[in-house]
Amino acid sequence: MKPKTGSEYVPWLMAGVGFLGVLLIFAWYAHQSGSAAQQLASKASRVDLVERMQRDLAAGSEAEKSAVLAPSDADSVAFANQARAATAEVVLEQSELGALLASGGTPPERDLMTQLSEAFGNLQRVDDEVLALAVKNTNLKAYGLLFGPAADTLAEMDAALDRVVTKYASANDAKQVMDLAFRARISALRIQALLAPHIAEENDAKMDRMESSMTKEEAQIRRDLDGLAGVAKLAGDVDVAIAASRFARYEEIKSQIVPLSRENTNVRSLTLSLNQKRKAMIATLDTLGALRQEIVDEPIAGVAYGRGAKSRR
């Protein structure tokens, strides 16, 4: 058999080189495809965590508002617990997202994560203060006393004084009795009228002025009731005694209302919720939005995705 010359091997060598090249190209594309898939999965995981944080922050904010506006202690506590549970979820998601960004995020993403941690920390501090105040409901309790026991006691005092005036309308000293009784009744109504705005007021100086006016009215009532007790014909009168005892009870209730009003937890929690909480929430959501966009725009070789893809259309 005639041996093959070197030139006869050239086609075989070329075919082998071509086949090897094809294999290398397929291997490169497979590697690139696998790498892109992994990057897309990483991107999707980070975006999902950001969106979960956004949803849980919104849920927590809704529950917090409900806690502030709830009509009872039980409702306030229930909504506050819901708000705290939502915040706890955000804390877990923040930790998970931070770990992913530490290992696979870009420097801008990690910078935004630092900003997010600061904004969310501020939001948590405001939230804690709002919820701690909301569950106390001191203004609601003050209103409950004012329009419940205080109003009832005042009505009993007023009715007793009205009976005194009626019984002694034809007596020689009827005018004196009428003047004393009416002054006491009017002063009591002025106190009741001042307590409502006192409960709603958030300014300490204005509350001081209201309390000073109430103190003057109380002193006037005591003088008038003492004057009635000093009228000879009213000595031992049961209705004068009832009026005095009802006023003493009214003062006791008022002494509970004023401290509750001063604590002002409903007014303070609402003010915090509408101001500091709103600003802290906006800062946190804005940072989350910027982080989400940064993750979406993160380039992946060979993949058109995010804002860059839109600009190439």
Protein backbone atom coordinates (compact mmCIF):
# COMPACT_ATOMS: atom_id res chain seq x y z
CA MET A 1 0.00 0.00 0.00
CA LYS A 2 1.24 3.43 -0.85
CA PRO A 3 1.81 5.57 2.32
CA LYS A 4 -0.19 8.84 2.61
CA THR A 5 1.66 12.03 2.08
CA GLY A 6 1.45 14.98 4.57
CA SER A 7 -0.81 16.92 2.26
CA GLU A 8 -3.40 14.19 2.43
CA TYR A 9 -3.79 14.75 6.23
CA VAL A 10 -4.52 18.48 5.88
CA PRO A 11 -8.31 18.13 5.27
CA TRP A 12 -8.63 15.88 8.27
CA LEU A 13 -6.70 18.30 10.42
CA MET A 14 -8.81 21.22 9.24
CA ALA A 15 -11.98 19.31 9.97
CA GLY A 16 -10.75 18.47 13.45
CA VAL A 17 -9.83 22.08 14.16
CA GLY A 18 -13.24 23.24 12.92
CA PHE A 19 -15.04 20.71 15.04
CA LEU A 20 -13.03 21.76 18.10
CA GLY A 21 -13.88 25.38 17.35
CA VAL A 22 -17.55 24.56 17.19
CA LEU A 23 -17.32 22.76 20.51
CA LEU A 24 -15.55 25.74 22.08
CA ILE A 25 -18.19 28.13 20.74
CA PHE A 26 -21.00 25.96 22.11
CA ALA A 27 -19.18 25.75 25.44
CA TRP A 28 -18.74 29.53 25.55
CA TYR A 29 -22.41 30.15 24.75
CA ALA A 30 -23.48 27.61 27.35
CA HIS A 31 -21.29 29.28 29.93
CA GLN A 32 -22.57 32.72 28.99
CA SER A 33 -26.16 31.49 29.06
CA GLY A 34 -25.72 29.91 32.49
CA SER A 35 -24.00 33.01 33.85
CA ALA A 36 -26.74 35.29 32.50
CA ALA A 37 -29.43 33.06 33.98
CA GLN A 38 -27.72 33.18 37.37
CA GLN A 39 -27.43 36.97 37.18
CA LEU A 40 -31.06 37.31 36.21
CA ALA A 41 -32.09 35.07 39.11
CA SER A 42 -29.97 37.15 41.49
CA LYS A 43 -31.49 40.34 40.12
CA ALA A 44 -35.00 38.94 40.48
CA SER A 45 -34.35 37.90 44.10
CA ARG A 46 -33.14 41.38 45.02
CA VAL A 47 -36.01 43.13 43.24
CA ASP A 48 -38.48 40.79 44.95
CA LEU A 49 -37.06 41.63 48.38
CA VAL A 50 -37.26 45.36 47.67
CA GLU A 51 -40.89 45.03 46.55
CA ARG A 52 -41.77 42.95 49.61
CA MET A 53 -40.25 45.65 51.82
CA GLN A 54 -42.35 48.26 50.03
CA ARG A 55 -45.54 46.23 50.53
CA ASP A 56 -44.83 45.50 54.20
CA LEU A 57 -43.96 49.12 54.88
CA ALA A 58 -47.29 50.17 53.34
CA ALA A 59 -49.16 47.56 55.40
CA GLY A 60 -47.41 48.70 58.57
CA SER A 61 -48.19 52.33 57.86
CA GLU A 62 -51.88 51.54 57.31
CA ALA A 63 -52.03 49.64 60.60
CA GLU A 64 -50.23 52.47 62.39
CA LYS A 65 -52.77 55.03 61.13
CA SER A 66 -55.57 52.75 62.31
CA ALA A 67 -53.95 52.46 65.75
CA VAL A 68 -53.81 56.26 66.02
CA LEU A 69 -57.46 56.71 64.99
CA ALA A 70 -58.95 53.64 66.71
CA PRO A 71 -61.92 54.38 69.00
CA SER A 72 -60.87 52.03 71.83
CA ASP A 73 -57.82 50.70 73.66
CA ALA A 74 -58.44 47.18 72.36
CA ASP A 75 -58.57 48.34 68.74
CA SER A 76 -55.49 50.53 69.17
CA VAL A 77 -53.50 47.66 70.66
CA ALA A 78 -54.63 45.25 67.91
CA PHE A 79 -53.63 47.64 65.12
CA ALA A 80 -50.37 48.53 66.87
CA ASN A 81 -49.50 44.83 67.01
CA GLN A 82 -50.22 44.53 63.29
CA ALA A 83 -47.97 47.51 62.58
CA ARG A 84 -45.13 46.05 64.66
CA ALA A 85 -45.50 42.66 62.94
CA ALA A 86 -45.21 44.31 59.51
CA THR A 87 -42.12 46.22 60.65
CA ALA A 88 -40.56 42.98 61.91
CA GLU A 89 -41.03 41.51 58.42
CA VAL A 90 -39.28 44.51 56.89
CA VAL A 91 -36.36 44.06 59.30
CA LEU A 92 -35.95 40.44 58.16
CA GLU A 93 -36.21 41.42 54.49
CA GLN A 94 -33.70 44.22 54.99
CA SER A 95 -31.22 41.78 56.51
CA GLU A 96 -31.68 39.30 53.66
CA LEU A 97 -31.32 42.01 51.03
CA GLY A 98 -28.20 43.37 52.73
CA ALA A 99 -26.61 39.92 52.59
CA LEU A 100 -27.40 39.56 48.87
CA LEU A 101 -26.01 42.99 48.06
CA ALA A 102 -22.88 42.36 50.10
CA SER A 103 -22.05 39.30 47.99
CA GLY A 104 -23.55 40.19 44.63
CA GLY A 105 -24.55 43.85 44.49
CA THR A 106 -22.84 46.78 42.82
CA PRO A 107 -21.19 49.65 44.74
CA PRO A 108 -24.11 52.03 43.97
CA GLU A 109 -26.55 49.40 45.26
CA ARG A 110 -24.57 48.98 48.46
CA ASP A 111 -24.43 52.76 48.92
CA LEU A 112 -28.21 52.93 48.55
CA MET A 113 -28.53 50.07 51.04
CA THR A 114 -26.58 52.14 53.56
CA GLN A 115 -28.93 55.07 52.95
CA LEU A 116 -31.91 52.73 53.30
CA SER A 117 -30.69 51.42 56.65
CA GLU A 118 -30.43 54.99 57.95
CA ALA A 119 -33.85 56.03 56.61
CA PHE A 120 -35.56 52.89 57.88
CA GLY A 121 -33.91 53.24 61.28
CA ASN A 122 -35.34 56.76 61.58
CA LEU A 123 -38.74 55.48 60.48
CA GLN A 124 -38.64 52.78 63.17
CA ARG A 125 -37.84 55.34 65.89
CA VAL A 126 -40.78 57.53 64.88
CA ASP A 127 -43.06 54.49 64.56
CA ASP A 128 -42.17 53.27 68.05
CA GLU A 129 -43.04 56.67 69.52
CA VAL A 130 -46.31 56.95 67.59
CA LEU A 131 -47.51 53.48 68.59
CA ALA A 132 -46.48 53.89 72.24
CA LEU A 133 -48.61 57.04 72.40
CA ALA A 134 -51.51 55.71 70.34
CA VAL A 135 -52.30 52.78 72.62
CA LYS A 136 -52.63 55.05 75.69
CA ASN A 137 -55.64 56.94 74.26
CA THR A 138 -55.54 59.57 76.99
CA ASN A 139 -57.54 62.12 75.00
CA LEU A 140 -60.25 59.58 74.23
CA LYS A 141 -60.40 58.63 77.92
CA ALA A 142 -60.61 62.30 78.88
CA TYR A 143 -63.50 62.82 76.45
CA GLY A 144 -65.19 59.72 77.85
CA LEU A 145 -65.03 61.15 81.37
CA LEU A 146 -66.09 64.62 80.23
CA PHE A 147 -69.19 63.59 78.30
CA GLY A 148 -70.00 60.68 80.59
CA PRO A 149 -69.53 60.91 84.39
CA ALA A 150 -68.66 64.63 84.42
CA ALA A 151 -71.71 65.63 82.36
CA ASP A 152 -73.99 63.39 84.43
CA THR A 153 -72.69 64.79 87.72
CA LEU A 154 -73.02 68.36 86.48
CA ALA A 155 -76.61 67.67 85.42
CA GLU A 156 -77.40 66.37 88.92
CA MET A 157 -75.87 69.49 90.49
CA ASP A 158 -77.79 71.74 88.13
CA ALA A 159 -81.07 69.94 88.84
CA ALA A 160 -80.53 70.25 92.60
CA LEU A 161 -79.91 74.01 92.32
CA ASP A 162 -82.95 74.38 90.08
CA ARG A 163 -85.06 72.72 92.78
CA VAL A 164 -83.66 75.11 95.38
CA VAL A 165 -84.67 78.13 93.28
CA THR A 166 -88.13 76.71 92.65
CA LYS A 167 -88.77 75.90 96.32
CA TYR A 168 -87.85 79.36 97.54
CA ALA A 169 -89.17 81.44 94.64
CA SER A 170 -91.73 83.20 96.89
CA ALA A 171 -89.50 83.69 99.92
CA ASN A 172 -88.31 87.13 101.00
CA ASP A 173 -84.72 86.28 100.08
CA ALA A 174 -85.67 84.57 96.80
CA LYS A 175 -83.54 86.99 94.74
CA GLN A 176 -80.45 86.23 96.80
CA VAL A 177 -81.06 82.49 96.48
CA MET A 178 -81.68 82.81 92.74
CA ASP A 179 -78.51 84.87 92.19
CA LEU A 180 -76.32 82.45 94.14
CA ALA A 181 -77.79 79.38 92.44
CA PHE A 182 -77.61 80.80 88.91
CA ARG A 183 -74.02 81.98 89.33
CA ALA A 184 -72.98 78.52 90.50
CA ARG A 185 -74.79 76.86 87.62
CA ILE A 186 -73.30 79.20 85.01
CA SER A 187 -69.76 78.81 86.38
CA ALA A 188 -70.11 75.03 86.30
CA LEU A 189 -71.23 75.16 82.67
CA ARG A 190 -68.26 77.39 81.82
CA ILE A 191 -65.87 74.82 83.28
CA GLN A 192 -67.53 72.07 81.27
CA ALA A 193 -67.29 74.19 78.13
CA LEU A 194 -63.56 74.85 78.72
CA LEU A 195 -62.66 71.21 79.28
CA ALA A 196 -63.53 70.10 75.72
CA PRO A 197 -61.11 72.47 73.97
CA HIS A 198 -58.55 71.76 76.70
CA ILE A 199 -58.59 68.08 75.70
CA ALA A 200 -58.18 68.95 72.02
CA GLU A 201 -55.45 71.55 72.62
CA GLU A 202 -51.78 70.66 72.06
CA ASN A 203 -50.26 73.96 73.20
CA ASP A 204 -49.28 73.97 76.89
CA ALA A 205 -49.54 77.74 77.29
CA LYS A 206 -53.13 77.73 76.01
CA MET A 207 -54.00 74.87 78.36
CA ASP A 208 -52.49 76.87 81.23
CA ARG A 209 -54.82 79.79 80.46
CA MET A 210 -57.86 77.51 80.27
CA GLU A 211 -56.98 75.91 83.62
CA SER A 212 -56.55 79.35 85.18
CA SER A 213 -60.05 80.31 84.00
CA MET A 214 -61.47 77.05 85.34
CA THR A 215 -59.82 77.64 88.72
CA LYS A 216 -61.53 81.03 88.97
CA GLU A 217 -64.90 79.52 88.10
CA GLU A 218 -64.43 76.78 90.72
CA ALA A 219 -63.69 79.41 93.37
CA GLN A 220 -66.87 81.24 92.38
CA ILE A 221 -68.94 78.05 92.68
CA ARG A 222 -67.61 77.39 96.18
CA ARG A 223 -68.48 80.92 97.27
CA ASP A 224 -71.99 80.62 95.84
CA LEU A 225 -72.63 77.20 97.41
CA ASP A 226 -71.30 78.47 100.75
CA GLY A 227 -73.61 81.50 100.35
CA LEU A 228 -76.62 79.23 99.81
CA ALA A 229 -75.73 77.15 102.86
CA GLY A 230 -75.54 80.38 104.86
CA VAL A 231 -79.09 81.48 104.03
CA ALA A 232 -81.14 80.87 107.17
CA LYS A 233 -84.10 79.28 105.40
CA LEU A 234 -81.77 76.91 103.53
CA ALA A 235 -80.08 75.51 106.62
CA GLY A 236 -80.14 71.74 106.28
CA ASP A 237 -81.79 71.86 102.85
CA VAL A 238 -81.25 68.49 101.15
CA ASP A 239 -80.92 69.95 97.65
CA VAL A 240 -78.23 72.42 98.74
CA ALA A 241 -76.36 69.45 100.23
CA ILE A 242 -76.82 67.44 96.99
CA ALA A 243 -75.52 70.37 94.91
CA ALA A 244 -72.43 70.63 97.13
CA SER A 245 -71.74 66.89 97.02
CA ARG A 246 -72.26 66.75 93.26
CA PHE A 247 -69.82 69.64 92.77
CA ALA A 248 -67.25 67.88 94.95
CA ARG A 249 -67.67 64.79 92.77
CA TYR A 250 -67.38 66.91 89.63
CA GLU A 251 -64.07 68.30 90.87
CA GLU A 252 -62.80 64.76 91.42
CA ILE A 253 -63.66 63.80 87.86
CA LYS A 254 -62.11 67.00 86.54
CA SER A 255 -58.92 66.17 88.42
CA GLN A 256 -58.76 62.97 86.35
CA ILE A 257 -59.61 64.68 83.05
CA VAL A 258 -56.95 67.39 83.17
CA PRO A 259 -53.91 65.07 83.58
CA LEU A 260 -55.21 62.83 80.81
CA SER A 261 -55.71 65.89 78.63
CA ARG A 262 -52.20 67.10 79.49
CA GLU A 263 -50.68 63.78 78.46
CA ASN A 264 -52.29 64.37 75.08
CA THR A 265 -51.30 61.02 73.58
CA ASN A 266 -53.92 60.97 70.82
CA VAL A 267 -53.12 64.51 69.71
CA ARG A 268 -49.38 63.89 69.87
CA SER A 269 -49.53 60.55 68.06
CA LEU A 270 -51.68 62.06 65.30
CA THR A 271 -49.30 65.01 64.92
CA LEU A 272 -46.30 62.67 64.73
CA SER A 273 -48.09 60.43 62.25
CA LEU A 274 -49.01 63.29 59.94
CA ASN A 275 -45.63 65.02 60.11
CA GLN A 276 -42.46 63.16 61.20
CA LYS A 277 -43.83 59.71 60.29
CA ARG A 278 -44.94 60.85 56.85
CA LYS A 279 -41.54 62.41 56.11
CA ALA A 280 -39.65 59.36 57.38
CA MET A 281 -41.90 57.08 55.31
CA ILE A 282 -41.33 59.10 52.14
CA ALA A 283 -37.54 59.05 52.66
CA THR A 284 -37.57 55.28 53.15
CA LEU A 285 -39.81 54.55 50.15
CA ASP A 286 -37.85 56.93 47.91
CA THR A 287 -34.61 55.17 48.79
CA LEU A 288 -36.20 51.77 48.19
CA GLY A 289 -37.47 52.97 44.83
CA ALA A 290 -34.01 54.20 43.83
CA LEU A 291 -32.47 50.90 44.96
CA ARG A 292 -35.00 48.89 42.98
CA GLN A 293 -34.28 50.91 39.83
CA GLU A 294 -30.52 50.52 40.34
CA ILE A 295 -30.91 46.74 40.59
CA VAL A 296 -33.19 46.61 37.52
CA ASP A 297 -30.71 48.69 35.48
CA GLU A 298 -27.72 46.55 36.48
CA PRO A 299 -26.32 45.34 33.11
CA ILE A 300 -26.09 41.66 32.19
CA ALA A 301 -23.87 40.73 29.23
CA GLY A 302 -25.95 39.66 26.26
CA VAL A 303 -29.28 40.52 27.91
CA ALA A 304 -31.39 43.60 27.11
CA TYR A 305 -33.13 44.44 30.39
CA GLY A 306 -34.35 47.47 32.32
CA ARG A 307 -33.96 51.11 31.41
CA GLY A 308 -31.03 50.47 29.07
CA ALA A 309 -33.13 48.10 26.98
CA LYS A 310 -35.84 50.71 26.51
CA SER A 311 -33.34 53.31 25.35
CA ARG A 312 -32.06 50.98 22.57
CA ARG A 313 -35.46 50.51 20.92
